[in-house]
Structure formats: structure tokens, C-alpha cells
Amino acid sequence: LYSSSPEDPAKPASEIKKTLVLPPS
């Protein structure tokens, strides 16, 4: 699950941060 092979590249840090942002409300 923690593989960093080219077939399953890790998501950039910016994309991970965006997934943690709550909706404005």
C-alpha cells in the first residue's frame, strides 16, 4: 500500500492538502 512505483505514483503534497480543506460552511 505504501509503494511509490511509477505505476502508482504518490499524490503531490498540494493535492493532499486540498483534500483536507473543509467546505466554507
mmCIF file of all heavy atoms, coordinates in Angstrom:
data_MODEL
# 
_entry.id   MODEL 
# 
loop_
_atom_site.group_PDB 
_atom_site.id 
_atom_site.type_symbol 
_atom_site.label_atom_id 
_atom_site.label_alt_id 
_atom_site.label_comp_id 
_atom_site.label_asym_id 
_atom_site.label_entity_id 
_atom_site.label_seq_id 
_atom_site.pdbx_PDB_ins_code 
_atom_site.Cartn_x 
_atom_site.Cartn_y 
_atom_site.Cartn_z 
_atom_site.occupancy 
_atom_site.B_iso_or_equiv 
_atom_site.pdbx_formal_charge 
_atom_site.auth_seq_id 
_atom_site.auth_comp_id 
_atom_site.auth_asym_id 
_atom_site.auth_atom_id 
_atom_site.pdbx_PDB_model_num 
ATOM 1   N N   . LEU A 1 1  ? 0.824   -1.211 0.000   1.00 0.00 ? 1  LEU A N   1 
ATOM 2   C CA  . LEU A 1 1  ? 0.000   0.000  0.000   1.00 0.00 ? 1  LEU A CA  1 
ATOM 3   C C   . LEU A 1 1  ? 0.857   1.259  0.000   1.00 0.00 ? 1  LEU A C   1 
ATOM 4   O O   . LEU A 1 1  ? 0.381   2.330  -0.365  1.00 0.00 ? 1  LEU A O   1 
ATOM 5   C CB  . LEU A 1 1  ? -0.909  0.005  1.233   1.00 0.00 ? 1  LEU A CB  1 
ATOM 6   C CG  . LEU A 1 1  ? -1.976  -1.086 1.278   1.00 0.00 ? 1  LEU A CG  1 
ATOM 7   C CD1 . LEU A 1 1  ? -2.725  -1.011 2.595   1.00 0.00 ? 1  LEU A CD1 1 
ATOM 8   C CD2 . LEU A 1 1  ? -2.944  -0.922 0.110   1.00 0.00 ? 1  LEU A CD2 1 
ATOM 9   N N   . TYR A 1 2  ? 2.110   1.150  0.450   1.00 0.00 ? 2  TYR A N   1 
ATOM 10  C CA  . TYR A 1 2  ? 2.993   2.305  0.528   1.00 0.00 ? 2  TYR A CA  1 
ATOM 11  C C   . TYR A 1 2  ? 3.975   2.334  -0.629  1.00 0.00 ? 2  TYR A C   1 
ATOM 12  O O   . TYR A 1 2  ? 5.023   2.983  -0.559  1.00 0.00 ? 2  TYR A O   1 
ATOM 13  C CB  . TYR A 1 2  ? 3.762   2.290  1.864   1.00 0.00 ? 2  TYR A CB  1 
ATOM 14  C CG  . TYR A 1 2  ? 2.840   2.221  3.042   1.00 0.00 ? 2  TYR A CG  1 
ATOM 15  C CD1 . TYR A 1 2  ? 2.616   1.021  3.690   1.00 0.00 ? 2  TYR A CD1 1 
ATOM 16  C CD2 . TYR A 1 2  ? 2.175   3.352  3.492   1.00 0.00 ? 2  TYR A CD2 1 
ATOM 17  C CE1 . TYR A 1 2  ? 1.752   0.959  4.775   1.00 0.00 ? 2  TYR A CE1 1 
ATOM 18  C CE2 . TYR A 1 2  ? 1.308   3.297  4.561   1.00 0.00 ? 2  TYR A CE2 1 
ATOM 19  C CZ  . TYR A 1 2  ? 1.104   2.092  5.206   1.00 0.00 ? 2  TYR A CZ  1 
ATOM 20  O OH  . TYR A 1 2  ? 0.253   2.034  6.263   1.00 0.00 ? 2  TYR A OH  1 
ATOM 21  N N   . SER A 1 3  ? 3.682   1.602  -1.712  1.00 0.00 ? 3  SER A N   1 
ATOM 22  C CA  . SER A 1 3  ? 4.570   1.544  -2.859  1.00 0.00 ? 3  SER A CA  1 
ATOM 23  C C   . SER A 1 3  ? 4.614   2.884  -3.556  1.00 0.00 ? 3  SER A C   1 
ATOM 24  O O   . SER A 1 3  ? 3.615   3.578  -3.676  1.00 0.00 ? 3  SER A O   1 
ATOM 25  C CB  . SER A 1 3  ? 4.098   0.464  -3.835  1.00 0.00 ? 3  SER A CB  1 
ATOM 26  O OG  . SER A 1 3  ? 4.856   0.498  -5.014  1.00 0.00 ? 3  SER A OG  1 
ATOM 27  N N   . SER A 1 4  ? 5.816   3.260  -4.023  1.00 0.00 ? 4  SER A N   1 
ATOM 28  C CA  . SER A 1 4  ? 5.985   4.517  -4.766  1.00 0.00 ? 4  SER A CA  1 
ATOM 29  C C   . SER A 1 4  ? 6.456   4.230  -6.178  1.00 0.00 ? 4  SER A C   1 
ATOM 30  O O   . SER A 1 4  ? 7.200   5.014  -6.770  1.00 0.00 ? 4  SER A O   1 
ATOM 31  C CB  . SER A 1 4  ? 7.000   5.419  -4.047  1.00 0.00 ? 4  SER A CB  1 
ATOM 32  O OG  . SER A 1 4  ? 8.237   4.752  -3.921  1.00 0.00 ? 4  SER A OG  1 
ATOM 33  N N   . SER A 1 5  ? 6.048   3.101  -6.727  1.00 0.00 ? 5  SER A N   1 
ATOM 34  C CA  . SER A 1 5  ? 6.453   2.740  -8.077  1.00 0.00 ? 5  SER A CA  1 
ATOM 35  C C   . SER A 1 5  ? 5.758   3.632  -9.087  1.00 0.00 ? 5  SER A C   1 
ATOM 36  O O   . SER A 1 5  ? 4.724   4.231  -8.792  1.00 0.00 ? 5  SER A O   1 
ATOM 37  C CB  . SER A 1 5  ? 6.090   1.271  -8.349  1.00 0.00 ? 5  SER A CB  1 
ATOM 38  O OG  . SER A 1 5  ? 4.694   1.092  -8.248  1.00 0.00 ? 5  SER A OG  1 
ATOM 39  N N   . PRO A 1 6  ? 6.324   3.757  -10.306 1.00 0.00 ? 6  PRO A N   1 
ATOM 40  C CA  . PRO A 1 6  ? 5.707   4.629  -11.313 1.00 0.00 ? 6  PRO A CA  1 
ATOM 41  C C   . PRO A 1 6  ? 4.289   4.224  -11.663 1.00 0.00 ? 6  PRO A C   1 
ATOM 42  O O   . PRO A 1 6  ? 3.523   5.044  -12.129 1.00 0.00 ? 6  PRO A O   1 
ATOM 43  C CB  . PRO A 1 6  ? 6.651   4.483  -12.525 1.00 0.00 ? 6  PRO A CB  1 
ATOM 44  C CG  . PRO A 1 6  ? 7.945   4.029  -11.946 1.00 0.00 ? 6  PRO A CG  1 
ATOM 45  C CD  . PRO A 1 6  ? 7.592   3.175  -10.756 1.00 0.00 ? 6  PRO A CD  1 
ATOM 46  N N   . GLU A 1 7  ? 3.917   2.974  -11.429 1.00 0.00 ? 7  GLU A N   1 
ATOM 47  C CA  . GLU A 1 7  ? 2.567   2.550  -11.776 1.00 0.00 ? 7  GLU A CA  1 
ATOM 48  C C   . GLU A 1 7  ? 1.534   3.177  -10.840 1.00 0.00 ? 7  GLU A C   1 
ATOM 49  O O   . GLU A 1 7  ? 0.381   3.321  -11.194 1.00 0.00 ? 7  GLU A O   1 
ATOM 50  C CB  . GLU A 1 7  ? 2.475   1.017  -11.705 1.00 0.00 ? 7  GLU A CB  1 
ATOM 51  C CG  . GLU A 1 7  ? 3.371   0.312  -12.702 1.00 0.00 ? 7  GLU A CG  1 
ATOM 52  C CD  . GLU A 1 7  ? 3.278   -1.185 -12.556 1.00 0.00 ? 7  GLU A CD  1 
ATOM 53  O OE1 . GLU A 1 7  ? 2.510   -1.640 -11.688 1.00 0.00 ? 7  GLU A OE1 1 
ATOM 54  O OE2 . GLU A 1 7  ? 3.974   -1.889 -13.304 1.00 0.00 ? 7  GLU A OE2 1 
ATOM 55  N N   . ASP A 1 8  ? 1.961   3.544  -9.624  1.00 0.00 ? 8  ASP A N   1 
ATOM 56  C CA  . ASP A 1 8  ? 1.025   4.133  -8.667  1.00 0.00 ? 8  ASP A CA  1 
ATOM 57  C C   . ASP A 1 8  ? 1.720   5.306  -7.982  1.00 0.00 ? 8  ASP A C   1 
ATOM 58  O O   . ASP A 1 8  ? 2.111   5.221  -6.824  1.00 0.00 ? 8  ASP A O   1 
ATOM 59  C CB  . ASP A 1 8  ? 0.595   3.094  -7.634  1.00 0.00 ? 8  ASP A CB  1 
ATOM 60  C CG  . ASP A 1 8  ? -0.508  3.626  -6.724  1.00 0.00 ? 8  ASP A CG  1 
ATOM 61  O OD1 . ASP A 1 8  ? -1.144  4.631  -7.089  1.00 0.00 ? 8  ASP A OD1 1 
ATOM 62  O OD2 . ASP A 1 8  ? -0.704  3.028  -5.658  1.00 0.00 ? 8  ASP A OD2 1 
ATOM 63  N N   . PRO A 1 9  ? 1.941   6.395  -8.709  1.00 0.00 ? 9  PRO A N   1 
ATOM 64  C CA  . PRO A 1 9  ? 2.716   7.497  -8.137  1.00 0.00 ? 9  PRO A CA  1 
ATOM 65  C C   . PRO A 1 9  ? 1.996   8.132  -6.960  1.00 0.00 ? 9  PRO A C   1 
ATOM 66  O O   . PRO A 1 9  ? 0.769   8.178  -6.905  1.00 0.00 ? 9  PRO A O   1 
ATOM 67  C CB  . PRO A 1 9  ? 2.840   8.479  -9.321  1.00 0.00 ? 9  PRO A CB  1 
ATOM 68  C CG  . PRO A 1 9  ? 1.655   8.171  -10.177 1.00 0.00 ? 9  PRO A CG  1 
ATOM 69  C CD  . PRO A 1 9  ? 1.418   6.693  -10.034 1.00 0.00 ? 9  PRO A CD  1 
ATOM 70  N N   . ALA A 1 10 ? 2.764   8.607  -5.987  1.00 0.00 ? 10 ALA A N   1 
ATOM 71  C CA  . ALA A 1 10 ? 2.181   9.284  -4.830  1.00 0.00 ? 10 ALA A CA  1 
ATOM 72  C C   . ALA A 1 10 ? 1.633   10.642 -5.246  1.00 0.00 ? 10 ALA A C   1 
ATOM 73  O O   . ALA A 1 10 ? 2.168   11.308 -6.126  1.00 0.00 ? 10 ALA A O   1 
ATOM 74  C CB  . ALA A 1 10 ? 3.256   9.456  -3.751  1.00 0.00 ? 10 ALA A CB  1 
ATOM 75  N N   . LYS A 1 11 ? 0.553   11.043 -4.567  1.00 0.00 ? 11 LYS A N   1 
ATOM 76  C CA  . LYS A 1 11 ? -0.063  12.329 -4.885  1.00 0.00 ? 11 LYS A CA  1 
ATOM 77  C C   . LYS A 1 11 ? 0.815   13.461 -4.395  1.00 0.00 ? 11 LYS A C   1 
ATOM 78  O O   . LYS A 1 11 ? 1.462   13.351 -3.353  1.00 0.00 ? 11 LYS A O   1 
ATOM 79  C CB  . LYS A 1 11 ? -1.434  12.420 -4.223  1.00 0.00 ? 11 LYS A CB  1 
ATOM 80  C CG  . LYS A 1 11 ? -2.454  11.462 -4.790  1.00 0.00 ? 11 LYS A CG  1 
ATOM 81  C CD  . LYS A 1 11 ? -3.796  11.681 -4.132  1.00 0.00 ? 11 LYS A CD  1 
ATOM 82  C CE  . LYS A 1 11 ? -4.855  10.749 -4.709  1.00 0.00 ? 11 LYS A CE  1 
ATOM 83  N NZ  . LYS A 1 11 ? -6.169  10.949 -4.078  1.00 0.00 ? 11 LYS A NZ  1 
ATOM 84  N N   . PRO A 1 12 ? 0.875   14.559 -5.137  1.00 0.00 ? 12 PRO A N   1 
ATOM 85  C CA  . PRO A 1 12 ? 1.637   15.719 -4.663  1.00 0.00 ? 12 PRO A CA  1 
ATOM 86  C C   . PRO A 1 12 ? 1.083   16.235 -3.344  1.00 0.00 ? 12 PRO A C   1 
ATOM 87  O O   . PRO A 1 12 ? -0.081  16.033 -3.011  1.00 0.00 ? 12 PRO A O   1 
ATOM 88  C CB  . PRO A 1 12 ? 1.457   16.748 -5.794  1.00 0.00 ? 12 PRO A CB  1 
ATOM 89  C CG  . PRO A 1 12 ? 1.046   15.940 -6.978  1.00 0.00 ? 12 PRO A CG  1 
ATOM 90  C CD  . PRO A 1 12 ? 0.285   14.760 -6.452  1.00 0.00 ? 12 PRO A CD  1 
ATOM 91  N N   . ALA A 1 13 ? 1.943   16.913 -2.575  1.00 0.00 ? 13 ALA A N   1 
ATOM 92  C CA  . ALA A 1 13 ? 1.518   17.438 -1.272  1.00 0.00 ? 13 ALA A CA  1 
ATOM 93  C C   . ALA A 1 13 ? 0.391   18.445 -1.407  1.00 0.00 ? 13 ALA A C   1 
ATOM 94  O O   . ALA A 1 13 ? -0.490  18.535 -0.559  1.00 0.00 ? 13 ALA A O   1 
ATOM 95  C CB  . ALA A 1 13 ? 2.725   18.076 -0.557  1.00 0.00 ? 13 ALA A CB  1 
ATOM 96  N N   . SER A 1 14 ? 0.417   19.224 -2.503  1.00 0.00 ? 14 SER A N   1 
ATOM 97  C CA  . SER A 1 14 ? -0.634  20.219 -2.685  1.00 0.00 ? 14 SER A CA  1 
ATOM 98  C C   . SER A 1 14 ? -1.997  19.571 -2.833  1.00 0.00 ? 14 SER A C   1 
ATOM 99  O O   . SER A 1 14 ? -3.003  20.069 -2.316  1.00 0.00 ? 14 SER A O   1 
ATOM 100 C CB  . SER A 1 14 ? -0.330  21.082 -3.912  1.00 0.00 ? 14 SER A CB  1 
ATOM 101 O OG  . SER A 1 14 ? -0.217  20.256 -5.068  1.00 0.00 ? 14 SER A OG  1 
ATOM 102 N N   . GLU A 1 15 ? -2.049  18.431 -3.549  1.00 0.00 ? 15 GLU A N   1 
ATOM 103 C CA  . GLU A 1 15 ? -3.327  17.746 -3.712  1.00 0.00 ? 15 GLU A CA  1 
ATOM 104 C C   . GLU A 1 15 ? -3.802  17.148 -2.396  1.00 0.00 ? 15 GLU A C   1 
ATOM 105 O O   . GLU A 1 15 ? -4.994  17.157 -2.103  1.00 0.00 ? 15 GLU A O   1 
ATOM 106 C CB  . GLU A 1 15 ? -3.204  16.656 -4.773  1.00 0.00 ? 15 GLU A CB  1 
ATOM 107 C CG  . GLU A 1 15 ? -2.924  17.183 -6.161  1.00 0.00 ? 15 GLU A CG  1 
ATOM 108 C CD  . GLU A 1 15 ? -2.890  16.080 -7.189  1.00 0.00 ? 15 GLU A CD  1 
ATOM 109 O OE1 . GLU A 1 15 ? -3.266  14.935 -6.838  1.00 0.00 ? 15 GLU A OE1 1 
ATOM 110 O OE2 . GLU A 1 15 ? -2.506  16.350 -8.328  1.00 0.00 ? 15 GLU A OE2 1 
ATOM 111 N N   . ILE A 1 16 ? -2.880  16.660 -1.574  1.00 0.00 ? 16 ILE A N   1 
ATOM 112 C CA  . ILE A 1 16 ? -3.273  16.092 -0.288  1.00 0.00 ? 16 ILE A CA  1 
ATOM 113 C C   . ILE A 1 16 ? -3.839  17.174 0.619   1.00 0.00 ? 16 ILE A C   1 
ATOM 114 O O   . ILE A 1 16 ? -4.828  16.987 1.303   1.00 0.00 ? 16 ILE A O   1 
ATOM 115 C CB  . ILE A 1 16 ? -2.061  15.412 0.372   1.00 0.00 ? 16 ILE A CB  1 
ATOM 116 C CG1 . ILE A 1 16 ? -1.613  14.226 -0.465  1.00 0.00 ? 16 ILE A CG1 1 
ATOM 117 C CG2 . ILE A 1 16 ? -2.399  14.960 1.783   1.00 0.00 ? 16 ILE A CG2 1 
ATOM 118 C CD1 . ILE A 1 16 ? -0.365  13.547 0.059   1.00 0.00 ? 16 ILE A CD1 1 
ATOM 119 N N   . LYS A 1 17 ? -3.228  18.344 0.627   1.00 0.00 ? 17 LYS A N   1 
ATOM 120 C CA  . LYS A 1 17 ? -3.734  19.439 1.447   1.00 0.00 ? 17 LYS A CA  1 
ATOM 121 C C   . LYS A 1 17 ? -5.132  19.851 1.012   1.00 0.00 ? 17 LYS A C   1 
ATOM 122 O O   . LYS A 1 17 ? -5.990  20.163 1.830   1.00 0.00 ? 17 LYS A O   1 
ATOM 123 C CB  . LYS A 1 17 ? -2.781  20.627 1.374   1.00 0.00 ? 17 LYS A CB  1 
ATOM 124 C CG  . LYS A 1 17 ? -1.445  20.366 2.059   1.00 0.00 ? 17 LYS A CG  1 
ATOM 125 C CD  . LYS A 1 17 ? -0.548  21.587 1.964   1.00 0.00 ? 17 LYS A CD  1 
ATOM 126 C CE  . LYS A 1 17 ? 0.788   21.329 2.644   1.00 0.00 ? 17 LYS A CE  1 
ATOM 127 N NZ  . LYS A 1 17 ? 1.680   22.500 2.546   1.00 0.00 ? 17 LYS A NZ  1 
ATOM 128 N N   . LYS A 1 18 ? -5.369  19.878 -0.278  1.00 0.00 ? 18 LYS A N   1 
ATOM 129 C CA  . LYS A 1 18 ? -6.684  20.288 -0.753  1.00 0.00 ? 18 LYS A CA  1 
ATOM 130 C C   . LYS A 1 18 ? -7.776  19.337 -0.276  1.00 0.00 ? 18 LYS A C   1 
ATOM 131 O O   . LYS A 1 18 ? -8.887  19.740 -0.024  1.00 0.00 ? 18 LYS A O   1 
ATOM 132 C CB  . LYS A 1 18 ? -6.678  20.367 -2.274  1.00 0.00 ? 18 LYS A CB  1 
ATOM 133 C CG  . LYS A 1 18 ? -5.849  21.526 -2.820  1.00 0.00 ? 18 LYS A CG  1 
ATOM 134 C CD  . LYS A 1 18 ? -5.887  21.552 -4.345  1.00 0.00 ? 18 LYS A CD  1 
ATOM 135 C CE  . LYS A 1 18 ? -5.053  22.712 -4.878  1.00 0.00 ? 18 LYS A CE  1 
ATOM 136 N NZ  . LYS A 1 18 ? -5.049  22.750 -6.352  1.00 0.00 ? 18 LYS A NZ  1 
ATOM 137 N N   . THR A 1 19 ? -7.441  18.067 -0.146  1.00 0.00 ? 19 THR A N   1 
ATOM 138 C CA  . THR A 1 19 ? -8.459  17.116 0.294   1.00 0.00 ? 19 THR A CA  1 
ATOM 139 C C   . THR A 1 19 ? -8.820  17.298 1.761   1.00 0.00 ? 19 THR A C   1 
ATOM 140 O O   . THR A 1 19 ? -9.840  16.804 2.204   1.00 0.00 ? 19 THR A O   1 
ATOM 141 C CB  . THR A 1 19 ? -7.966  15.678 0.067   1.00 0.00 ? 19 THR A CB  1 
ATOM 142 O OG1 . THR A 1 19 ? -6.748  15.478 0.811   1.00 0.00 ? 19 THR A OG1 1 
ATOM 143 C CG2 . THR A 1 19 ? -7.701  15.423 -1.401  1.00 0.00 ? 19 THR A CG2 1 
ATOM 144 N N   . LEU A 1 20 ? -7.958  18.029 2.537   1.00 0.00 ? 20 LEU A N   1 
ATOM 145 C CA  . LEU A 1 20 ? -8.225  18.217 3.963   1.00 0.00 ? 20 LEU A CA  1 
ATOM 146 C C   . LEU A 1 20 ? -8.967  19.514 4.260   1.00 0.00 ? 20 LEU A C   1 
ATOM 147 O O   . LEU A 1 20 ? -9.321  19.757 5.398   1.00 0.00 ? 20 LEU A O   1 
ATOM 148 C CB  . LEU A 1 20 ? -6.903  18.214 4.736   1.00 0.00 ? 20 LEU A CB  1 
ATOM 149 C CG  . LEU A 1 20 ? -6.078  16.931 4.651   1.00 0.00 ? 20 LEU A CG  1 
ATOM 150 C CD1 . LEU A 1 20 ? -4.767  17.101 5.401   1.00 0.00 ? 20 LEU A CD1 1 
ATOM 151 C CD2 . LEU A 1 20 ? -6.857  15.743 5.193   1.00 0.00 ? 20 LEU A CD2 1 
ATOM 152 N N   . VAL A 1 21 ? -9.173  20.353 3.279   1.00 0.00 ? 21 VAL A N   1 
ATOM 153 C CA  . VAL A 1 21 ? -9.838  21.635 3.483   1.00 0.00 ? 21 VAL A CA  1 
ATOM 154 C C   . VAL A 1 21 ? -11.344 21.412 3.596   1.00 0.00 ? 21 VAL A C   1 
ATOM 155 O O   . VAL A 1 21 ? -11.950 20.744 2.762   1.00 0.00 ? 21 VAL A O   1 
ATOM 156 C CB  . VAL A 1 21 ? -9.516  22.604 2.332   1.00 0.00 ? 21 VAL A CB  1 
ATOM 157 C CG1 . VAL A 1 21 ? -10.297 23.896 2.492   1.00 0.00 ? 21 VAL A CG1 1 
ATOM 158 C CG2 . VAL A 1 21 ? -8.026  22.875 2.293   1.00 0.00 ? 21 VAL A CG2 1 
ATOM 159 N N   . LEU A 1 22 ? -11.925 21.991 4.670   1.00 0.00 ? 22 LEU A N   1 
ATOM 160 C CA  . LEU A 1 22 ? -13.364 21.864 4.871   1.00 0.00 ? 22 LEU A CA  1 
ATOM 161 C C   . LEU A 1 22 ? -14.108 22.814 3.948   1.00 0.00 ? 22 LEU A C   1 
ATOM 162 O O   . LEU A 1 22 ? -13.581 23.863 3.566   1.00 0.00 ? 22 LEU A O   1 
ATOM 163 C CB  . LEU A 1 22 ? -13.720 22.187 6.324   1.00 0.00 ? 22 LEU A CB  1 
ATOM 164 C CG  . LEU A 1 22 ? -13.225 21.207 7.393   1.00 0.00 ? 22 LEU A CG  1 
ATOM 165 C CD1 . LEU A 1 22 ? -13.542 21.766 8.778   1.00 0.00 ? 22 LEU A CD1 1 
ATOM 166 C CD2 . LEU A 1 22 ? -13.877 19.839 7.226   1.00 0.00 ? 22 LEU A CD2 1 
ATOM 167 N N   . PRO A 1 23 ? -15.329 22.483 3.587   1.00 0.00 ? 23 PRO A N   1 
ATOM 168 C CA  . PRO A 1 23 ? -16.152 23.433 2.842   1.00 0.00 ? 23 PRO A CA  1 
ATOM 169 C C   . PRO A 1 23 ? -16.353 24.713 3.643   1.00 0.00 ? 23 PRO A C   1 
ATOM 170 O O   . PRO A 1 23 ? -16.266 24.696 4.880   1.00 0.00 ? 23 PRO A O   1 
ATOM 171 C CB  . PRO A 1 23 ? -17.477 22.671 2.661   1.00 0.00 ? 23 PRO A CB  1 
ATOM 172 C CG  . PRO A 1 23 ? -17.120 21.236 2.821   1.00 0.00 ? 23 PRO A CG  1 
ATOM 173 C CD  . PRO A 1 23 ? -15.986 21.184 3.790   1.00 0.00 ? 23 PRO A CD  1 
ATOM 174 N N   . PRO A 1 24 ? -16.590 25.820 2.994   1.00 0.00 ? 24 PRO A N   1 
ATOM 175 C CA  . PRO A 1 24 ? -16.692 27.097 3.723   1.00 0.00 ? 24 PRO A CA  1 
ATOM 176 C C   . PRO A 1 24 ? -17.730 27.087 4.826   1.00 0.00 ? 24 PRO A C   1 
ATOM 177 O O   . PRO A 1 24 ? -17.505 27.639 5.901   1.00 0.00 ? 24 PRO A O   1 
ATOM 178 C CB  . PRO A 1 24 ? -17.055 28.094 2.606   1.00 0.00 ? 24 PRO A CB  1 
ATOM 179 C CG  . PRO A 1 24 ? -16.525 27.474 1.357   1.00 0.00 ? 24 PRO A CG  1 
ATOM 180 C CD  . PRO A 1 24 ? -16.680 25.996 1.532   1.00 0.00 ? 24 PRO A CD  1 
ATOM 181 N N   . SER A 1 25 ? -18.880 26.464 4.589   1.00 0.00 ? 25 SER A N   1 
ATOM 182 C CA  . SER A 1 25 ? -19.926 26.462 5.614   1.00 0.00 ? 25 SER A CA  1 
ATOM 183 C C   . SER A 1 25 ? -19.477 25.703 6.858   1.00 0.00 ? 25 SER A C   1 
ATOM 184 O O   . SER A 1 25 ? -19.672 26.159 7.990   1.00 0.00 ? 25 SER A O   1 
ATOM 185 C CB  . SER A 1 25 ? -21.199 25.823 5.056   1.00 0.00 ? 25 SER A CB  1 
ATOM 186 O OG  . SER A 1 25 ? -20.941 24.491 4.607   1.00 0.00 ? 25 SER A OG  1 
# 
